[in-house]
């Protein structure tokens, strides 16, 4: 598990006022295993990723993307969504950014 995912989980549980025990309970994992993974003492298995996704009401793909690419999983209503979009765009090539811009303009015209 990468540091970004570990830091994200730590920020989330602190923000929710959860303990490691509470995260473990919501993830259907043992407290010891959860603690060792978050502290970096043990590598996570598939069950850890599934449990974290469940605990934070996210898809497994969102958690894996965060771990693999550092992209914060947020909902469209979350005020941090724009920050996440900008982080994704920063990682794109100029051609990819041009396509995203064209698509955004298309969507706006359809909605407007």
PDB file of N, CA and C in Angstrom:
ATOM      1  N   UNK A   1       0.853  -1.169   0.000  1.00  0.00           N
ATOM      2  CA  UNK A   1       0.000   0.000   0.000  1.00  0.00           C
ATOM      3  C   UNK A   1       0.894   1.225   0.000  1.00  0.00           C
ATOM      4  N   UNK A   2       0.550   2.180  -0.868  1.00  0.00           N
ATOM      5  CA  UNK A   2       1.330   3.404  -0.955  1.00  0.00           C
ATOM      6  C   UNK A   2       1.054   4.371   0.184  1.00  0.00           C
ATOM      7  N   UNK A   3       1.977   5.290   0.340  1.00  0.00           N
ATOM      8  CA  UNK A   3       1.837   6.288   1.400  1.00  0.00           C
ATOM      9  C   UNK A   3       0.598   7.159   1.218  1.00  0.00           C
ATOM     10  N   UNK A   4       0.233   7.455  -0.042  1.00  0.00           N
ATOM     11  CA  UNK A   4      -0.929   8.310  -0.274  1.00  0.00           C
ATOM     12  C   UNK A   4      -2.202   7.677   0.280  1.00  0.00           C
ATOM     13  N   UNK A   5      -2.372   6.386   0.053  1.00  0.00           N
ATOM     14  CA  UNK A   5      -3.558   5.706   0.575  1.00  0.00           C
ATOM     15  C   UNK A   5      -3.523   5.674   2.096  1.00  0.00           C
ATOM     16  N   UNK A   6      -2.360   5.378   2.649  1.00  0.00           N
ATOM     17  CA  UNK A   6      -2.228   5.344   4.110  1.00  0.00           C
ATOM     18  C   UNK A   6      -2.571   6.709   4.710  1.00  0.00           C
ATOM     19  N   UNK A   7      -2.038   7.773   4.099  1.00  0.00           N
ATOM     20  CA  UNK A   7      -2.321   9.131   4.583  1.00  0.00           C
ATOM     21  C   UNK A   7      -3.787   9.487   4.411  1.00  0.00           C
ATOM     22  N   UNK A   8      -4.384   9.073   3.281  1.00  0.00           N
ATOM     23  CA  UNK A   8      -5.795   9.354   3.033  1.00  0.00           C
ATOM     24  C   UNK A   8      -6.662   8.685   4.096  1.00  0.00           C
ATOM     25  N   UNK A   9      -6.372   7.416   4.376  1.00  0.00           N
ATOM     26  CA  UNK A   9      -7.147   6.690   5.392  1.00  0.00           C
ATOM     27  C   UNK A   9      -6.996   7.374   6.747  1.00  0.00           C
ATOM     28  N   UNK A  10      -5.777   7.746   7.100  1.00  0.00           N
ATOM     29  CA  UNK A  10      -5.532   8.407   8.382  1.00  0.00           C
ATOM     30  C   UNK A  10      -6.297   9.727   8.465  1.00  0.00           C
ATOM     31  N   UNK A  11      -6.275  10.508   7.404  1.00  0.00           N
ATOM     32  CA  UNK A  11      -7.020  11.776   7.390  1.00  0.00           C
ATOM     33  C   UNK A  11      -8.511  11.536   7.521  1.00  0.00           C
ATOM     34  N   UNK A  12      -9.014  10.529   6.815  1.00  0.00           N
ATOM     35  CA  UNK A  12     -10.455  10.234   6.873  1.00  0.00           C
ATOM     36  C   UNK A  12     -10.878   9.805   8.277  1.00  0.00           C
ATOM     37  N   UNK A  13     -10.125   8.883   8.872  1.00  0.00           N
ATOM     38  CA  UNK A  13     -10.558   8.418  10.192  1.00  0.00           C
ATOM     39  C   UNK A  13     -10.429   9.539  11.221  1.00  0.00           C
ATOM     40  N   UNK A  14      -9.418  10.366  11.091  1.00  0.00           N
ATOM     41  CA  UNK A  14      -9.309  11.510  12.001  1.00  0.00           C
ATOM     42  C   UNK A  14     -10.452  12.492  11.778  1.00  0.00           C
ATOM     43  N   UNK A  15     -10.791  12.732  10.508  1.00  0.00           N
ATOM     44  CA  UNK A  15     -11.885  13.640  10.190  1.00  0.00           C
ATOM     45  C   UNK A  15     -13.230  13.157  10.709  1.00  0.00           C
ATOM     46  N   UNK A  16     -13.428  11.844  10.678  1.00  0.00           N
ATOM     47  CA  UNK A  16     -14.675  11.266  11.185  1.00  0.00           C
ATOM     48  C   UNK A  16     -14.652  11.055  12.690  1.00  0.00           C
ATOM     49  N   UNK A  17     -13.475  11.239  13.275  1.00  0.00           N
ATOM     50  CA  UNK A  17     -13.350  10.990  14.707  1.00  0.00           C
ATOM     51  C   UNK A  17     -13.323   9.504  15.040  1.00  0.00           C
ATOM     52  N   UNK A  18     -12.925   8.688  14.084  1.00  0.00           N
ATOM     53  CA  UNK A  18     -12.861   7.246  14.291  1.00  0.00           C
ATOM     54  C   UNK A  18     -11.504   6.858  14.866  1.00  0.00           C
ATOM     55  N   UNK A  19     -11.502   5.756  15.552  1.00  0.00           N
ATOM     56  CA  UNK A  19     -10.253   5.119  15.980  1.00  0.00           C
ATOM     57  C   UNK A  19      -9.926   4.027  14.963  1.00  0.00           C
ATOM     58  N   UNK A  20      -8.755   3.442  15.099  1.00  0.00           N
ATOM     59  CA  UNK A  20      -8.405   2.288  14.266  1.00  0.00           C
ATOM     60  C   UNK A  20      -9.412   1.170  14.519  1.00  0.00           C
ATOM     61  N   UNK A  21      -9.834   1.044  15.760  1.00  0.00           N
ATOM     62  CA  UNK A  21     -10.815   0.008  16.108  1.00  0.00           C
ATOM     63  C   UNK A  21     -12.129   0.220  15.363  1.00  0.00           C
ATOM     64  N   UNK A  22     -12.544   1.470  15.266  1.00  0.00           N
ATOM     65  CA  UNK A  22     -13.796   1.771  14.561  1.00  0.00           C
ATOM     66  C   UNK A  22     -13.657   1.487  13.073  1.00  0.00           C
ATOM     67  N   UNK A  23     -12.520   1.864  12.486  1.00  0.00           N
ATOM     68  CA  UNK A  23     -12.291   1.552  11.073  1.00  0.00           C
ATOM     69  C   UNK A  23     -12.308   0.041  10.869  1.00  0.00           C
ATOM     70  N   UNK A  24     -11.643  -0.676  11.741  1.00  0.00           N
ATOM     71  CA  UNK A  24     -11.605  -2.138  11.629  1.00  0.00           C
ATOM     72  C   UNK A  24     -13.015  -2.720  11.713  1.00  0.00           C
ATOM     73  N   UNK A  25     -13.803  -2.223  12.645  1.00  0.00           N
ATOM     74  CA  UNK A  25     -15.183  -2.708  12.800  1.00  0.00           C
ATOM     75  C   UNK A  25     -15.982  -2.463  11.531  1.00  0.00           C
ATOM     76  N   UNK A  26     -15.896  -1.259  10.990  1.00  0.00           N
ATOM     77  CA  UNK A  26     -16.644  -0.900   9.784  1.00  0.00           C
ATOM     78  C   UNK A  26     -16.119  -1.626   8.546  1.00  0.00           C
ATOM     79  N   UNK A  27     -14.869  -2.079   8.604  1.00  0.00           N
ATOM     80  CA  UNK A  27     -14.239  -2.774   7.480  1.00  0.00           C
ATOM     81  C   UNK A  27     -14.361  -4.291   7.576  1.00  0.00           C
ATOM     82  N   UNK A  28     -14.898  -4.778   8.692  1.00  0.00           N
ATOM     83  CA  UNK A  28     -14.956  -6.218   8.960  1.00  0.00           C
ATOM     84  C   UNK A  28     -13.565  -6.847   8.969  1.00  0.00           C
ATOM     85  N   UNK A  29     -12.612  -6.130   9.582  1.00  0.00           N
ATOM     86  CA  UNK A  29     -11.235  -6.604   9.690  1.00  0.00           C
ATOM     87  C   UNK A  29     -10.831  -6.600  11.161  1.00  0.00           C
ATOM     88  N   UNK A  30      -9.765  -7.311  11.471  1.00  0.00           N
ATOM     89  CA  UNK A  30      -9.300  -7.284  12.851  1.00  0.00           C
ATOM     90  C   UNK A  30      -8.581  -5.967  13.120  1.00  0.00           C
ATOM     91  N   UNK A  31      -8.590  -5.549  14.366  1.00  0.00           N
ATOM     92  CA  UNK A  31      -7.928  -4.311  14.761  1.00  0.00           C
ATOM     93  C   UNK A  31      -6.423  -4.425  14.529  1.00  0.00           C
ATOM     94  N   UNK A  32      -5.843  -5.563  14.900  1.00  0.00           N
ATOM     95  CA  UNK A  32      -4.405  -5.746  14.739  1.00  0.00           C
ATOM     96  C   UNK A  32      -3.976  -5.655  13.288  1.00  0.00           C
ATOM     97  N   UNK A  33      -4.703  -6.341  12.404  1.00  0.00           N
ATOM     98  CA  UNK A  33      -4.379  -6.324  10.979  1.00  0.00           C
ATOM     99  C   UNK A  33      -4.515  -4.905  10.428  1.00  0.00           C
ATOM    100  N   UNK A  34      -5.606  -4.241  10.746  1.00  0.00           N
ATOM    101  CA  UNK A  34      -5.840  -2.879  10.272  1.00  0.00           C
ATOM    102  C   UNK A  34      -4.729  -1.952  10.736  1.00  0.00           C
ATOM    103  N   UNK A  35      -4.362  -2.055  11.986  1.00  0.00           N
ATOM    104  CA  UNK A  35      -3.313  -1.217  12.555  1.00  0.00           C
ATOM    105  C   UNK A  35      -1.966  -1.472  11.874  1.00  0.00           C
ATOM    106  N   UNK A  36      -1.639  -2.733  11.655  1.00  0.00           N
ATOM    107  CA  UNK A  36      -0.351  -3.063  11.024  1.00  0.00           C
ATOM    108  C   UNK A  36      -0.288  -2.558   9.575  1.00  0.00           C
ATOM    109  N   UNK A  37      -1.388  -2.654   8.857  1.00  0.00           N
ATOM    110  CA  UNK A  37      -1.400  -2.179   7.473  1.00  0.00           C
ATOM    111  C   UNK A  37      -1.268  -0.663   7.437  1.00  0.00           C
ATOM    112  N   UNK A  38      -2.030   0.033   8.248  1.00  0.00           N
ATOM    113  CA  UNK A  38      -1.997   1.495   8.241  1.00  0.00           C
ATOM    114  C   UNK A  38      -0.641   2.017   8.702  1.00  0.00           C
ATOM    115  N   UNK A  39      -0.003   1.317   9.612  1.00  0.00           N
ATOM    116  CA  UNK A  39       1.310   1.756  10.079  1.00  0.00           C
ATOM    117  C   UNK A  39       2.429   1.371   9.122  1.00  0.00           C
ATOM    118  N   UNK A  40       2.106   0.578   8.099  1.00  0.00           N
ATOM    119  CA  UNK A  40       3.110   0.176   7.123  1.00  0.00           C
ATOM    120  C   UNK A  40       3.891  -1.063   7.516  1.00  0.00           C
ATOM    121  N   UNK A  41       3.490  -1.723   8.594  1.00  0.00           N
ATOM    122  CA  UNK A  41       4.197  -2.921   9.053  1.00  0.00           C
ATOM    123  C   UNK A  41       3.802  -4.167   8.274  1.00  0.00           C
ATOM    124  N   UNK A  42       2.654  -4.103   7.592  1.00  0.00           N
ATOM    125  CA  UNK A  42       2.164  -5.265   6.855  1.00  0.00           C
ATOM    126  C   UNK A  42       1.553  -4.784   5.546  1.00  0.00           C
ATOM    127  N   UNK A  43       1.757  -5.562   4.502  1.00  0.00           N
ATOM    128  CA  UNK A  43       1.154  -5.238   3.212  1.00  0.00           C
ATOM    129  C   UNK A  43      -0.315  -5.641   3.241  1.00  0.00           C
ATOM    130  N   UNK A  44      -1.175  -4.832   2.632  1.00  0.00           N
ATOM    131  CA  UNK A  44      -2.594  -5.179   2.624  1.00  0.00           C
ATOM    132  C   UNK A  44      -2.907  -6.244   1.582  1.00  0.00           C
ATOM    133  N   UNK A  45      -3.910  -7.013   1.881  1.00  0.00           N
ATOM    134  CA  UNK A  45      -4.433  -7.971   0.920  1.00  0.00           C
ATOM    135  C   UNK A  45      -5.727  -7.436   0.331  1.00  0.00           C
ATOM    136  N   UNK A  46      -6.320  -8.205  -0.537  1.00  0.00           N
ATOM    137  CA  UNK A  46      -7.570  -7.801  -1.191  1.00  0.00           C
ATOM    138  C   UNK A  46      -8.664  -7.504  -0.171  1.00  0.00           C
ATOM    139  N   UNK A  47      -8.685  -8.278   0.904  1.00  0.00           N
ATOM    140  CA  UNK A  47      -9.722  -8.078   1.921  1.00  0.00           C
ATOM    141  C   UNK A  47      -9.604  -6.694   2.568  1.00  0.00           C
ATOM    142  N   UNK A  48      -8.372  -6.203   2.723  1.00  0.00           N
ATOM    143  CA  UNK A  48      -8.188  -4.871   3.308  1.00  0.00           C
ATOM    144  C   UNK A  48      -8.804  -3.819   2.398  1.00  0.00           C
ATOM    145  N   UNK A  49      -8.494  -3.891   1.106  1.00  0.00           N
ATOM    146  CA  UNK A  49      -9.039  -2.913   0.157  1.00  0.00           C
ATOM    147  C   UNK A  49     -10.564  -2.973   0.119  1.00  0.00           C
ATOM    148  N   UNK A  50     -11.093  -4.176   0.131  1.00  0.00           N
ATOM    149  CA  UNK A  50     -12.545  -4.332   0.134  1.00  0.00           C
ATOM    150  C   UNK A  50     -13.153  -3.751   1.405  1.00  0.00           C
ATOM    151  N   UNK A  51     -12.496  -3.999   2.532  1.00  0.00           N
ATOM    152  CA  UNK A  51     -13.000  -3.487   3.802  1.00  0.00           C
ATOM    153  C   UNK A  51     -12.974  -1.969   3.870  1.00  0.00           C
ATOM    154  N   UNK A  52     -11.895  -1.372   3.404  1.00  0.00           N
ATOM    155  CA  UNK A  52     -11.792   0.094   3.407  1.00  0.00           C
ATOM    156  C   UNK A  52     -12.846   0.694   2.493  1.00  0.00           C
ATOM    157  N   UNK A  53     -13.041   0.086   1.325  1.00  0.00           N
ATOM    158  CA  UNK A  53     -14.082   0.567   0.412  1.00  0.00           C
ATOM    159  C   UNK A  53     -15.443   0.522   1.107  1.00  0.00           C
ATOM    160  N   UNK A  54     -15.716  -0.567   1.797  1.00  0.00           N
ATOM    161  CA  UNK A  54     -16.983  -0.706   2.515  1.00  0.00           C
ATOM    162  C   UNK A  54     -17.101   0.345   3.613  1.00  0.00           C
ATOM    163  N   UNK A  55     -16.052   0.515   4.391  1.00  0.00           N
ATOM    164  CA  UNK A  55     -16.090   1.444   5.521  1.00  0.00           C
ATOM    165  C   UNK A  55     -16.370   2.876   5.078  1.00  0.00           C
ATOM    166  N   UNK A  56     -15.824   3.269   3.928  1.00  0.00           N
ATOM    167  CA  UNK A  56     -15.982   4.644   3.464  1.00  0.00           C
ATOM    168  C   UNK A  56     -17.038   4.776   2.376  1.00  0.00           C
ATOM    169  N   UNK A  57     -17.790   3.694   2.139  1.00  0.00           N
ATOM    170  CA  UNK A  57     -18.869   3.687   1.158  1.00  0.00           C
ATOM    171  C   UNK A  57     -18.372   4.125  -0.225  1.00  0.00           C
ATOM    172  N   UNK A  58     -17.280   3.489  -0.654  1.00  0.00           N
ATOM    173  CA  UNK A  58     -16.689   3.757  -1.955  1.00  0.00           C
ATOM    174  C   UNK A  58     -16.559   2.448  -2.717  1.00  0.00           C
ATOM    175  N   UNK A  59     -16.286   2.548  -3.991  1.00  0.00           N
ATOM    176  CA  UNK A  59     -16.067   1.338  -4.775  1.00  0.00           C
ATOM    177  C   UNK A  59     -14.641   0.837  -4.531  1.00  0.00           C
ATOM    178  N   UNK A  60     -14.464  -0.433  -4.748  1.00  0.00           N
ATOM    179  CA  UNK A  60     -13.135  -1.019  -4.657  1.00  0.00           C
ATOM    180  C   UNK A  60     -12.213  -0.355  -5.685  1.00  0.00           C
ATOM    181  N   UNK A  61     -12.748  -0.058  -6.850  1.00  0.00           N
ATOM    182  CA  UNK A  61     -11.959   0.588  -7.898  1.00  0.00           C
ATOM    183  C   UNK A  61     -11.454   1.954  -7.443  1.00  0.00           C
ATOM    184  N   UNK A  62     -12.272   2.702  -6.712  1.00  0.00           N
ATOM    185  CA  UNK A  62     -11.859   4.024  -6.228  1.00  0.00           C
ATOM    186  C   UNK A  62     -10.689   3.910  -5.248  1.00  0.00           C
ATOM    187  N   UNK A  63     -10.750   2.920  -4.375  1.00  0.00           N
ATOM    188  CA  UNK A  63      -9.660   2.709  -3.412  1.00  0.00           C
ATOM    189  C   UNK A  63      -8.396   2.260  -4.138  1.00  0.00           C
ATOM    190  N   UNK A  64      -8.536   1.355  -5.084  1.00  0.00           N
ATOM    191  CA  UNK A  64      -7.375   0.890  -5.842  1.00  0.00           C
ATOM    192  C   UNK A  64      -6.762   2.023  -6.664  1.00  0.00           C
ATOM    193  N   UNK A  65      -7.606   2.882  -7.239  1.00  0.00           N
ATOM    194  CA  UNK A  65      -7.110   4.021  -8.021  1.00  0.00           C
ATOM    195  C   UNK A  65      -6.331   4.980  -7.123  1.00  0.00           C
ATOM    196  N   UNK A  66      -6.834   5.201  -5.915  1.00  0.00           N
ATOM    197  CA  UNK A  66      -6.123   6.053  -4.968  1.00  0.00           C
ATOM    198  C   UNK A  66      -4.756   5.460  -4.651  1.00  0.00           C
ATOM    199  N   UNK A  67      -4.717   4.163  -4.414  1.00  0.00           N
ATOM    200  CA  UNK A  67      -3.451   3.513  -4.071  1.00  0.00           C
ATOM    201  C   UNK A  67      -2.491   3.503  -5.253  1.00  0.00           C
ATOM    202  N   UNK A  68      -3.013   3.265  -6.440  1.00  0.00           N
ATOM    203  CA  UNK A  68      -2.183   3.132  -7.634  1.00  0.00           C
ATOM    204  C   UNK A  68      -1.764   4.478  -8.221  1.00  0.00           C
ATOM    205  N   UNK A  69      -2.728   5.425  -8.279  1.00  0.00           N
ATOM    206  CA  UNK A  69      -2.495   6.675  -9.003  1.00  0.00           C
ATOM    207  C   UNK A  69      -2.527   7.923  -8.128  1.00  0.00           C
ATOM    208  N   UNK A  70      -2.907   7.744  -6.865  1.00  0.00           N
ATOM    209  CA  UNK A  70      -2.966   8.896  -5.972  1.00  0.00           C
ATOM    210  C   UNK A  70      -4.165   9.796  -6.201  1.00  0.00           C
ATOM    211  N   UNK A  71      -5.202   9.274  -6.868  1.00  0.00           N
ATOM    212  CA  UNK A  71      -6.392  10.074  -7.159  1.00  0.00           C
ATOM    213  C   UNK A  71      -7.395   9.880  -6.034  1.00  0.00           C
ATOM    214  N   UNK A  72      -7.715  10.967  -5.373  1.00  0.00           N
ATOM    215  CA  UNK A  72      -8.612  10.955  -4.223  1.00  0.00           C
ATOM    216  C   UNK A  72     -10.031  10.595  -4.645  1.00  0.00           C
ATOM    217  N   UNK A  73     -10.600   9.536  -4.046  1.00  0.00           N
ATOM    218  CA  UNK A  73     -11.975   9.180  -4.390  1.00  0.00           C
ATOM    219  C   UNK A  73     -12.966  10.091  -3.676  1.00  0.00           C
ATOM    220  N   UNK A  74     -13.669  10.885  -4.440  1.00  0.00           N
ATOM    221  CA  UNK A  74     -14.658  11.788  -3.862  1.00  0.00           C
ATOM    222  C   UNK A  74     -15.942  11.703  -4.666  1.00  0.00           C
ATOM    223  N   UNK A  75     -17.016  12.114  -4.051  1.00  0.00           N
ATOM    224  CA  UNK A  75     -18.294  12.122  -4.746  1.00  0.00           C
ATOM    225  C   UNK A  75     -18.465  13.451  -5.475  1.00  0.00           C
ATOM    226  N   UNK A  76     -19.338  13.514  -6.474  1.00  0.00           N
ATOM    227  CA  UNK A  76     -19.542  14.771  -7.203  1.00  0.00           C
ATOM    228  C   UNK A  76     -20.009  15.920  -6.314  1.00  0.00           C
ATOM    229  N   UNK A  77     -20.658  15.617  -5.198  1.00  0.00           N
ATOM    230  CA  UNK A  77     -21.148  16.659  -4.305  1.00  0.00           C
ATOM    231  C   UNK A  77     -20.094  17.137  -3.316  1.00  0.00           C
ATOM    232  N   UNK A  78     -18.980  16.433  -3.245  1.00  0.00           N
ATOM    233  CA  UNK A  78     -17.910  16.793  -2.320  1.00  0.00           C
ATOM    234  C   UNK A  78     -17.203  18.046  -2.821  1.00  0.00           C
ATOM    235  N   UNK A  79     -16.957  19.026  -1.951  1.00  0.00           N
ATOM    236  CA  UNK A  79     -16.295  20.253  -2.396  1.00  0.00           C
ATOM    237  C   UNK A  79     -14.869  20.027  -2.888  1.00  0.00           C
ATOM    238  N   UNK A  80     -14.289  18.870  -2.612  1.00  0.00           N
ATOM    239  CA  UNK A  80     -12.928  18.583  -3.056  1.00  0.00           C
ATOM    240  C   UNK A  80     -12.886  17.962  -4.452  1.00  0.00           C
ATOM    241  N   UNK A  81     -14.051  17.777  -5.064  1.00  0.00           N
ATOM    242  CA  UNK A  81     -14.097  17.157  -6.388  1.00  0.00           C
ATOM    243  C   UNK A  81     -13.290  17.947  -7.404  1.00  0.00           C
ATOM    244  N   UNK A  82     -13.401  19.255  -7.388  1.00  0.00           N
ATOM    245  CA  UNK A  82     -12.659  20.078  -8.343  1.00  0.00           C
ATOM    246  C   UNK A  82     -11.158  19.873  -8.179  1.00  0.00           C
ATOM    247  N   UNK A  83     -10.696  19.787  -6.938  1.00  0.00           N
ATOM    248  CA  UNK A  83      -9.272  19.529  -6.696  1.00  0.00           C
ATOM    249  C   UNK A  83      -8.855  18.199  -7.313  1.00  0.00           C
ATOM    250  N   UNK A  84      -9.710  17.188  -7.182  1.00  0.00           N
ATOM    251  CA  UNK A  84      -9.391  15.876  -7.738  1.00  0.00           C
ATOM    252  C   UNK A  84      -9.352  15.930  -9.262  1.00  0.00           C
ATOM    253  N   UNK A  85     -10.293  16.645  -9.858  1.00  0.00           N
ATOM    254  CA  UNK A  85     -10.310  16.791 -11.313  1.00  0.00           C
ATOM    255  C   UNK A  85      -9.033  17.479 -11.780  1.00  0.00           C
ATOM    256  N   UNK A  86      -8.628  18.511 -11.081  1.00  0.00           N
ATOM    257  CA  UNK A  86      -7.404  19.215 -11.460  1.00  0.00           C
ATOM    258  C   UNK A  86      -6.176  18.328 -11.344  1.00  0.00           C
ATOM    259  N   UNK A  87      -6.118  17.490 -10.325  1.00  0.00           N
ATOM    260  CA  UNK A  87      -4.989  16.571 -10.169  1.00  0.00           C
ATOM    261  C   UNK A  87      -4.934  15.575 -11.327  1.00  0.00           C
ATOM    262  N   UNK A  88      -6.089  15.104 -11.740  1.00  0.00           N
ATOM    263  CA  UNK A  88      -6.140  14.178 -12.872  1.00  0.00           C
ATOM    264  C   UNK A  88      -5.665  14.881 -14.141  1.00  0.00           C
ATOM    265  N   UNK A  89      -6.156  16.091 -14.373  1.00  0.00           N
ATOM    266  CA  UNK A  89      -5.811  16.832 -15.578  1.00  0.00           C
ATOM    267  C   UNK A  89      -4.313  17.133 -15.627  1.00  0.00           C
ATOM    268  N   UNK A  90      -3.720  17.413 -14.470  1.00  0.00           N
ATOM    269  CA  UNK A  90      -2.279  17.688 -14.433  1.00  0.00           C
ATOM    270  C   UNK A  90      -1.462  16.501 -14.929  1.00  0.00           C
ATOM    271  N   UNK A  91      -2.000  15.294 -14.772  1.00  0.00           N
ATOM    272  CA  UNK A  91      -1.281  14.092 -15.167  1.00  0.00           C
ATOM    273  C   UNK A  91      -1.489  13.745 -16.640  1.00  0.00           C
ATOM    274  N   UNK A  92      -2.361  14.481 -17.324  1.00  0.00           N
ATOM    275  CA  UNK A  92      -2.681  14.193 -18.722  1.00  0.00           C
ATOM    276  C   UNK A  92      -1.692  14.850 -19.674  1.00  0.00           C
ATOM    277  N   UNK A  93      -1.640  14.275 -20.850  1.00  0.00           N
ATOM    278  CA  UNK A  93      -0.853  14.888 -21.919  1.00  0.00           C
ATOM    279  C   UNK A  93      -1.639  16.083 -22.462  1.00  0.00           C
ATOM    280  N   UNK A  94      -0.973  16.989 -23.188  1.00  0.00           N
ATOM    281  CA  UNK A  94      -1.712  18.116 -23.788  1.00  0.00           C
ATOM    282  C   UNK A  94      -2.867  17.651 -24.682  1.00  0.00           C
ATOM    283  N   UNK A  95      -2.663  16.586 -25.416  1.00  0.00           N
ATOM    284  CA  UNK A  95      -3.724  16.070 -26.287  1.00  0.00           C
ATOM    285  C   UNK A  95      -4.913  15.569 -25.461  1.00  0.00           C
ATOM    286  N   UNK A  96      -4.641  14.882 -24.372  1.00  0.00           N
ATOM    287  CA  UNK A  96      -5.724  14.408 -23.505  1.00  0.00           C
ATOM    288  C   UNK A  96      -6.485  15.583 -22.899  1.00  0.00           C
ATOM    289  N   UNK A  97      -5.753  16.618 -22.481  1.00  0.00           N
ATOM    290  CA  UNK A  97      -6.409  17.805 -21.917  1.00  0.00           C
ATOM    291  C   UNK A  97      -7.299  18.486 -22.957  1.00  0.00           C
ATOM    292  N   UNK A  98      -6.831  18.530 -24.200  1.00  0.00           N
ATOM    293  CA  UNK A  98      -7.632  19.140 -25.270  1.00  0.00           C
ATOM    294  C   UNK A  98      -8.938  18.368 -25.448  1.00  0.00           C
ATOM    295  N   UNK A  99      -8.869  17.046 -25.419  1.00  0.00           N
ATOM    296  CA  UNK A  99     -10.074  16.221 -25.574  1.00  0.00           C
ATOM    297  C   UNK A  99     -11.036  16.430 -24.400  1.00  0.00           C
ATOM    298  N   UNK A 100     -10.492  16.532 -23.198  1.00  0.00           N
ATOM    299  CA  UNK A 100     -11.333  16.775 -22.022  1.00  0.00           C
ATOM    300  C   UNK A 100     -12.044  18.118 -22.158  1.00  0.00           C
ATOM    301  N   UNK A 101     -11.320  19.138 -22.585  1.00  0.00           N
ATOM    302  CA  UNK A 101     -11.906  20.457 -22.775  1.00  0.00           C
ATOM    303  C   UNK A 101     -13.008  20.417 -23.825  1.00  0.00           C
ATOM    304  N   UNK A 102     -12.760  19.748 -24.931  1.00  0.00           N
ATOM    305  CA  UNK A 102     -13.778  19.629 -25.981  1.00  0.00           C
ATOM    306  C   UNK A 102     -15.021  18.933 -25.446  1.00  0.00           C
ATOM    307  N   UNK A 103     -14.821  17.873 -24.673  1.00  0.00           N
ATOM    308  CA  UNK A 103     -15.958  17.151 -24.120  1.00  0.00           C
ATOM    309  C   UNK A 103     -16.726  18.010 -23.116  1.00  0.00           C
ATOM    310  N   UNK A 104     -16.011  18.735 -22.271  1.00  0.00           N
ATOM    311  CA  UNK A 104     -16.677  19.601 -21.286  1.00  0.00           C
ATOM    312  C   UNK A 104     -17.519  20.660 -21.995  1.00  0.00           C
ATOM    313  N   UNK A 105     -16.987  21.232 -23.050  1.00  0.00           N
ATOM    314  CA  UNK A 105     -17.743  22.228 -23.817  1.00  0.00           C
ATOM    315  C   UNK A 105     -18.978  21.585 -24.431  1.00  0.00           C
ATOM    316  N   UNK A 106     -18.831  20.374 -24.980  1.00  0.00           N
ATOM    317  CA  UNK A 106     -19.963  19.656 -25.547  1.00  0.00           C
ATOM    318  C   UNK A 106     -21.051  19.428 -24.499  1.00  0.00           C
ATOM    319  N   UNK A 107     -20.656  18.963 -23.314  1.00  0.00           N
ATOM    320  CA  UNK A 107     -21.628  18.696 -22.241  1.00  0.00           C
ATOM    321  C   UNK A 107     -22.350  19.981 -21.835  1.00  0.00           C
ATOM    322  N   UNK A 108     -21.614  21.061 -21.681  1.00  0.00           N
ATOM    323  CA  UNK A 108     -22.233  22.324 -21.300  1.00  0.00           C
ATOM    324  C   UNK A 108     -23.245  22.781 -22.328  1.00  0.00           C
ATOM    325  N   UNK A 109     -22.940  22.617 -23.600  1.00  0.00           N
ATOM    326  CA  UNK A 109     -23.876  23.022 -24.661  1.00  0.00           C
ATOM    327  C   UNK A 109     -25.118  22.158 -24.657  1.00  0.00           C
ATOM    328  N   UNK A 110     -24.970  20.882 -24.338  1.00  0.00           N
ATOM    329  CA  UNK A 110     -26.123  19.968 -24.282  1.00  0.00           C
ATOM    330  C   UNK A 110     -27.040  20.317 -23.114  1.00  0.00           C
ATOM    331  N   UNK A 111     -26.444  20.696 -21.991  1.00  0.00           N
ATOM    332  CA  UNK A 111     -27.194  21.013 -20.784  1.00  0.00           C
ATOM    333  C   UNK A 111     -27.829  22.392 -20.854  1.00  0.00           C
ATOM    334  N   UNK A 112     -27.162  23.309 -21.562  1.00  0.00           N
ATOM    335  CA  UNK A 112     -27.578  24.708 -21.584  1.00  0.00           C
ATOM    336  C   UNK A 112     -28.693  24.988 -22.487  1.00  0.00           C
TER     337      UNK A 112
END
